[in-house]
C-alpha cells in the first residue's frame, strides 16, 4: 500500500507527543516552585550581559549635574566638592537578556535505545531552559529544525511560550514525510537573519551533518554572540552490542544496510569511528570557544543539566 502525505500525517497524529502537558507542567513546577529537587536557581545562564532584570546597571560610565529625582546614593561627592555643584554618577543601562534555543528534530534525533529518543531529551532540555529563562525575566526565542528551520518569536511569559513548547513536543514525522530536511547552512542563515548579536544561543542537537563549512559558520556566529552547545547522544552511538545480524537505516539518506554485530572487529571499528567523530566535534567547539555539555538518553535530563555550569 502506498503511503501518501495525508496518510502519513494521519498516522503521526495518533502518536503520543514527545513531552506530555503533564510533564511540561511538572518541569515548570520544579523550576518555579518549591520542589524536592530544589531546582530553583540551580539552572541559570550567566554571561556578559549586565543583568537578568531591566533597570540601571552598576557600571559607572559618566557623571552629570544632579537633577531632581536622582538617587542621592549615586551622588559623586568628589566631583561635587571639586566643582561646587551637585554631581551624580551615570550608570550603564542594563539590557534584558534574550535566549535563543535551536532545537533539532531531524530524523537523526528519532533514535533511542534506552529511556528516551534523542528528540525527547532535546525537547525536555529546551523546555527546562526556557522555563528557567522566563523565571529570570529573560525573553525566549526558538528555532526548530525539521523540514525547515521554523522561527518562534520572543516570549516573556509561559503562555507566550506555548507555541514553541508545542512545536518541540509534538510527535516526530515519519521518515518518508521528510523529503527535504534542513541543512546546517539553512539553519545558520535563519539565525543570522534574526540579527541577534544580543542573544545567548544554545544549540540542542546531535550535530549530525555538521561539515567543515558549517563549523566555520558556527565559529563566525560565536564571534558575534554568546553560543553554547548541548550534544545529545545515545549509548548505542558509543558502543555496538553483540545482538546478531541487524538491519539499519541511515536517517539522512534512507539507505538500508545489514551488519553482523557478532563481528568483534566490526564493533571495535564502530566504537573507534564514533569516538573519533565526537572528539572532532568537541575539538571544533573548543576551537570556537563554545561551551558544550553532553546529555544522554539513558539518564535523567534534569539532573544532567544541573551539572552544567555555562560560565563564559
Protein backbone atom coordinates (compact mmCIF):
# COMPACT_ATOMS: atom_id res chain seq x y z
CA UNK A 1 0.00 0.00 0.00
CA UNK A 2 1.33 3.42 -0.93
CA UNK A 3 1.53 5.92 1.92
CA UNK A 4 0.90 9.45 0.71
CA UNK A 5 1.48 12.61 2.73
CA UNK A 6 -2.07 12.69 4.10
CA UNK A 7 -1.84 9.10 5.31
CA UNK A 8 1.48 9.79 7.00
CA UNK A 9 0.07 12.86 8.75
CA UNK A 10 -2.91 10.83 9.98
CA UNK A 11 -0.60 8.15 11.37
CA UNK A 12 1.55 10.81 13.01
CA UNK A 13 -1.49 12.45 14.62
CA UNK A 14 -2.17 9.26 16.60
CA UNK A 15 1.33 9.14 18.08
CA UNK A 16 1.85 10.46 21.62
CA UNK A 17 3.76 13.73 21.97
CA UNK A 18 7.40 13.61 22.96
CA UNK A 19 6.51 15.58 26.10
CA UNK A 20 3.02 15.47 27.57
CA UNK A 21 1.33 18.54 29.01
CA UNK A 22 1.62 16.91 32.44
CA UNK A 23 5.38 16.56 32.14
CA UNK A 24 5.73 20.14 30.94
CA UNK A 25 3.72 21.26 33.96
CA UNK A 26 5.94 19.23 36.29
CA UNK A 27 9.10 20.70 34.75
CA UNK A 28 7.72 24.19 35.18
CA UNK A 29 6.77 23.43 38.77
CA UNK A 30 10.26 22.15 39.55
CA UNK A 31 11.79 25.37 38.28
CA UNK A 32 9.31 27.94 39.54
CA UNK A 33 8.07 26.48 42.82
CA UNK A 34 9.44 24.67 45.82
CA UNK A 35 10.12 21.06 44.93
CA UNK A 36 12.01 18.03 46.25
CA UNK A 37 14.65 18.68 43.59
CA UNK A 38 15.28 22.20 44.90
CA UNK A 39 15.84 23.19 41.30
CA UNK A 40 15.06 26.85 41.62
CA UNK A 41 18.06 28.93 40.77
CA UNK A 42 20.31 25.96 40.04
CA UNK A 43 19.92 26.20 36.28
CA UNK A 44 20.97 29.73 35.49
CA UNK A 45 22.58 31.25 32.45
CA UNK A 46 25.38 33.68 33.13
CA UNK A 47 27.20 35.75 30.57
CA UNK A 48 28.40 39.16 29.53
CA UNK A 49 25.05 40.90 29.92
CA UNK A 50 24.68 43.41 32.69
CA UNK A 51 21.70 41.86 34.39
CA UNK A 52 18.79 39.47 34.07
CA UNK A 53 16.47 42.34 35.01
CA UNK A 54 15.68 45.68 33.46
CA UNK A 55 16.76 48.89 35.20
CA UNK A 56 20.02 50.73 35.77
CA UNK A 57 23.27 48.83 35.94
CA UNK A 58 26.17 49.16 38.35
CA UNK A 59 28.83 50.03 35.73
CA UNK A 60 29.71 53.70 36.11
CA UNK A 61 30.26 55.31 32.70
CA UNK A 62 29.93 59.10 33.23
CA UNK A 63 28.87 61.96 35.53
CA UNK A 64 26.38 64.80 35.06
CA UNK A 65 24.74 67.55 37.05
CA UNK A 66 22.31 66.39 39.69
CA UNK A 67 18.64 66.57 38.65
CA UNK A 68 15.56 66.45 40.83
CA UNK A 69 14.56 62.86 41.40
CA UNK A 70 18.06 61.37 41.06
CA UNK A 71 19.01 58.80 43.66
CA UNK A 72 21.05 60.53 46.38
CA UNK A 73 23.07 57.35 46.83
CA UNK A 74 24.58 57.92 43.39
CA UNK A 75 25.98 61.40 44.12
CA UNK A 76 29.63 61.75 43.17
CA UNK A 77 30.88 63.52 46.28
CA UNK A 78 34.39 64.12 44.97
CA UNK A 79 33.16 65.72 41.75
CA UNK A 80 30.64 67.74 43.78
CA UNK A 81 33.41 69.02 46.06
CA UNK A 82 35.65 69.96 43.15
CA UNK A 83 33.01 71.78 41.11
CA UNK A 84 30.85 73.12 43.89
CA UNK A 85 27.79 71.75 42.05
CA UNK A 86 25.88 68.62 42.88
CA UNK A 87 27.06 65.88 40.53
CA UNK A 88 25.65 62.38 40.13
CA UNK A 89 27.10 59.24 38.62
CA UNK A 90 25.61 57.82 35.42
CA UNK A 91 25.42 54.04 35.16
CA UNK A 92 25.29 51.97 32.03
CA UNK A 93 21.78 50.84 31.23
CA UNK A 94 21.08 47.17 31.66
CA UNK A 95 19.55 45.10 28.92
CA UNK A 96 17.07 42.32 29.24
CA UNK A 97 18.68 39.13 28.03
CA UNK A 98 17.34 37.07 25.16
CA UNK A 99 17.79 33.33 24.97
CA UNK A 100 17.63 31.67 21.56
CA UNK A 101 17.03 27.92 21.68
CA UNK A 102 17.88 25.99 18.50
CA UNK A 103 16.21 22.58 18.79
CA UNK A 104 16.96 19.74 16.36
CA UNK A 105 14.05 17.47 15.34
CA UNK A 106 15.55 15.92 12.20
CA UNK A 107 15.47 12.19 11.56
CA UNK A 108 18.82 11.55 13.26
CA UNK A 109 17.13 12.63 16.50
CA UNK A 110 14.47 9.90 16.13
CA UNK A 111 16.74 7.39 17.80
CA UNK A 112 16.91 5.96 21.28
CA UNK A 113 17.75 2.56 22.74
CA UNK A 114 17.24 3.16 26.47
CA UNK A 115 14.80 5.55 28.13
CA UNK A 116 14.03 8.25 25.55
CA UNK A 117 14.56 9.28 21.98
CA UNK A 118 17.23 11.87 21.41
CA UNK A 119 14.49 14.23 20.21
CA UNK A 120 12.65 13.78 23.52
CA UNK A 121 15.75 14.64 25.53
CA UNK A 122 16.32 17.69 23.33
CA UNK A 123 12.72 18.83 23.82
CA UNK A 124 12.93 18.33 27.58
CA UNK A 125 16.21 20.23 27.83
CA UNK A 126 14.79 23.09 25.77
CA UNK A 127 11.67 23.27 27.96
CA UNK A 128 13.75 23.34 31.14
CA UNK A 129 16.00 26.12 29.83
CA UNK A 130 13.01 28.07 28.52
CA UNK A 131 11.12 27.93 31.82
CA UNK A 132 14.30 28.90 33.69
CA UNK A 133 14.85 31.88 31.39
CA UNK A 134 11.24 33.09 31.74
CA UNK A 135 11.57 32.83 35.53
CA UNK A 136 14.64 35.07 35.32
CA UNK A 137 12.81 37.72 33.26
CA UNK A 138 14.50 36.77 30.02
CA UNK A 139 12.93 36.60 26.59
CA UNK A 140 12.98 33.23 24.84
CA UNK A 141 13.07 32.73 21.09
CA UNK A 142 13.13 29.42 19.27
CA UNK A 143 14.38 27.92 16.03
CA UNK A 144 13.06 24.39 15.48
CA UNK A 145 14.90 22.35 12.85
CA UNK A 146 12.75 19.91 10.91
CA UNK A 147 11.66 20.09 7.26
CA UNK A 148 12.74 23.69 7.53
CA UNK A 149 14.11 25.93 10.23
CA UNK A 150 10.96 27.43 11.79
CA UNK A 151 11.28 30.56 13.92
CA UNK A 152 9.19 31.16 17.05
CA UNK A 153 9.15 34.80 18.21
CA UNK A 154 10.28 36.10 21.56
CA UNK A 155 8.18 35.13 24.56
CA UNK A 156 8.25 36.68 28.02
CA UNK A 157 5.51 34.62 29.64
CA UNK A 158 4.68 30.94 29.94
CA UNK A 159 1.57 31.47 27.82
CA UNK A 160 3.53 33.12 25.01
CA UNK A 161 5.98 30.23 25.19
CA UNK A 162 3.30 27.64 24.33
CA UNK A 163 3.76 27.64 20.52
CA UNK A 164 7.44 26.78 20.91
CA UNK A 165 6.71 24.12 23.53
CA UNK A 166 4.09 22.52 21.28
CA UNK A 167 6.48 22.52 18.33
CA UNK A 168 9.29 20.74 20.18
CA UNK A 169 6.90 18.32 21.92
CA UNK A 170 4.78 17.12 19.02
CA UNK A 171 5.37 13.62 17.58
CA UNK A 172 8.18 13.29 15.08
CA UNK A 173 7.21 12.96 11.45
CA UNK A 174 7.76 9.56 9.81
CA UNK A 175 10.97 9.41 7.80
CA UNK A 176 9.16 9.29 4.46
CA UNK A 177 7.33 12.52 5.26
CA UNK A 178 10.58 14.46 5.48
CA UNK A 179 11.67 14.83 1.88
CA UNK A 180 13.86 17.89 2.29
CA UNK A 181 15.41 18.15 5.71
CA UNK A 182 17.05 21.37 6.78
CA UNK A 183 20.78 21.67 6.32
CA UNK A 184 23.02 23.42 8.82
CA UNK A 185 23.72 26.15 6.28
CA UNK A 186 19.99 26.91 6.18
CA UNK A 187 19.86 26.94 9.96
CA UNK A 188 22.73 29.41 10.29
CA UNK A 189 21.20 31.65 7.64
CA UNK A 190 17.92 31.68 9.58
CA UNK A 191 19.72 32.62 12.80
CA UNK A 192 21.71 35.36 11.09
CA UNK A 193 18.52 36.87 9.69
CA UNK A 194 17.27 37.26 13.26
CA UNK A 195 20.05 39.79 13.77
CA UNK A 196 20.65 38.66 17.31
CA UNK A 197 24.02 39.97 18.45
CA UNK A 198 22.48 40.34 21.91
CA UNK A 199 21.30 36.72 22.04
CA UNK A 200 22.57 33.88 24.12
CA UNK A 201 22.14 30.97 21.70
CA UNK A 202 22.04 27.32 22.73
CA UNK A 203 22.09 24.58 20.10
CA UNK A 204 20.43 21.35 21.26
CA UNK A 205 21.26 18.62 18.77
CA UNK A 206 23.31 15.56 17.86
CA UNK A 207 25.01 17.82 15.29
CA UNK A 208 24.78 15.19 12.56
CA UNK A 209 25.88 16.52 9.18
CA UNK A 210 27.84 19.44 10.63
CA UNK A 211 30.51 19.61 7.93
CA UNK A 212 33.59 21.83 7.81
CA UNK A 213 31.86 24.78 6.15
CA UNK A 214 29.15 24.59 8.81
CA UNK A 215 31.79 24.68 11.55
CA UNK A 216 33.15 27.86 10.01
CA UNK A 217 29.73 29.50 10.15
CA UNK A 218 29.26 28.32 13.72
CA UNK A 219 32.64 29.79 14.64
CA UNK A 220 31.67 33.09 13.00
CA UNK A 221 28.37 33.10 14.88
CA UNK A 222 30.23 32.56 18.17
CA UNK A 223 32.24 35.71 17.46
CA UNK A 224 29.02 37.73 17.15
CA UNK A 225 27.11 36.44 20.17
CA UNK A 226 27.20 34.01 23.06
CA UNK A 227 26.87 30.44 21.81
CA UNK A 228 26.73 27.15 23.68
CA UNK A 229 26.04 23.60 22.57
CA UNK A 230 24.17 20.69 24.12
CA UNK A 231 25.16 17.44 22.45
CA UNK A 232 22.53 14.67 22.63
CA UNK A 233 23.73 11.10 22.38
CA UNK A 234 22.58 7.53 22.98
CA UNK A 235 24.68 4.70 24.47
CA UNK A 236 24.33 2.72 21.24
CA UNK A 237 26.19 5.52 19.47
CA UNK A 238 29.19 4.88 21.67
CA UNK A 239 29.30 1.11 21.67
CA UNK A 240 27.66 -1.52 19.47
CA UNK A 241 26.29 -4.51 21.35
CA UNK A 242 26.60 -8.11 20.18
CA UNK A 243 22.99 -8.82 19.22
CA UNK A 244 23.44 -10.70 15.95
CA UNK A 245 22.51 -9.61 12.44
CA UNK A 246 20.53 -6.41 12.17
CA UNK A 247 19.24 -4.04 9.51
CA UNK A 248 20.00 -0.36 9.93
CA UNK A 249 18.57 2.61 8.07
CA UNK A 250 20.53 5.80 7.51
CA UNK A 251 18.23 8.61 8.71
CA UNK A 252 19.76 11.11 6.28
CA UNK A 253 19.77 9.04 3.07
CA UNK A 254 17.28 6.24 3.80
CA UNK A 255 19.85 3.64 2.73
CA UNK A 256 19.36 0.22 4.36
CA UNK A 257 22.38 -1.83 5.36
CA UNK A 258 22.76 -5.17 7.08
CA UNK A 259 25.50 -5.68 9.66
CA UNK A 260 26.66 -8.59 11.79
CA UNK A 261 27.17 -7.32 15.32
CA UNK A 262 28.75 -10.65 16.29
CA UNK A 263 31.83 -9.46 14.42
CA UNK A 264 34.18 -8.22 17.14
CA UNK A 265 36.38 -6.33 14.68
CA UNK A 266 33.32 -4.52 13.32
CA UNK A 267 32.25 -3.50 16.83
CA UNK A 268 35.72 -2.18 17.60
CA UNK A 269 35.89 -0.19 14.35
CA UNK A 270 32.43 1.21 15.06
CA UNK A 271 33.42 2.30 18.56
CA UNK A 272 36.61 3.93 17.30
CA UNK A 273 34.82 5.74 14.48
CA UNK A 274 32.12 7.11 16.77
CA UNK A 275 34.67 8.19 19.36
CA UNK A 276 36.66 9.98 16.65
CA UNK A 277 33.54 11.78 15.43
CA UNK A 278 32.71 13.02 18.93
CA UNK A 279 36.31 14.08 19.52
CA UNK A 280 36.40 16.09 16.29
CA UNK A 281 33.07 17.76 17.13
CA UNK A 282 34.21 18.73 20.62
CA UNK A 283 37.53 20.00 19.26
CA UNK A 284 35.62 22.29 16.92
CA UNK A 285 33.63 23.60 19.88
CA UNK A 286 36.83 24.23 21.84
CA UNK A 287 38.44 25.94 18.86
CA UNK A 288 35.46 28.28 18.64
CA UNK A 289 35.40 28.80 22.44
CA UNK A 290 31.89 27.34 22.57
CA UNK A 291 30.94 25.78 25.92
CA UNK A 292 29.31 22.38 25.45
CA UNK A 293 27.59 19.75 27.52
CA UNK A 294 26.54 16.17 26.75
CA UNK A 295 23.09 14.81 27.56
CA UNK A 296 22.49 11.07 27.39
CA UNK A 297 19.18 9.42 26.57
CA UNK A 298 19.94 6.92 29.36
CA UNK A 299 19.98 9.41 32.24
CA UNK A 300 17.67 11.96 33.83
CA UNK A 301 17.74 15.12 31.73
CA UNK A 302 17.07 17.48 34.62
CA UNK A 303 19.87 16.12 36.77
CA UNK A 304 22.30 16.20 33.87
CA UNK A 305 21.52 19.85 33.20
CA UNK A 306 22.02 20.72 36.86
CA UNK A 307 25.62 19.59 36.49
CA UNK A 308 26.25 22.05 33.66
CA UNK A 309 27.82 25.37 34.56
CA UNK A 310 27.76 27.54 31.49
CA UNK A 311 30.09 30.33 32.55
CA UNK A 312 31.94 32.37 29.95
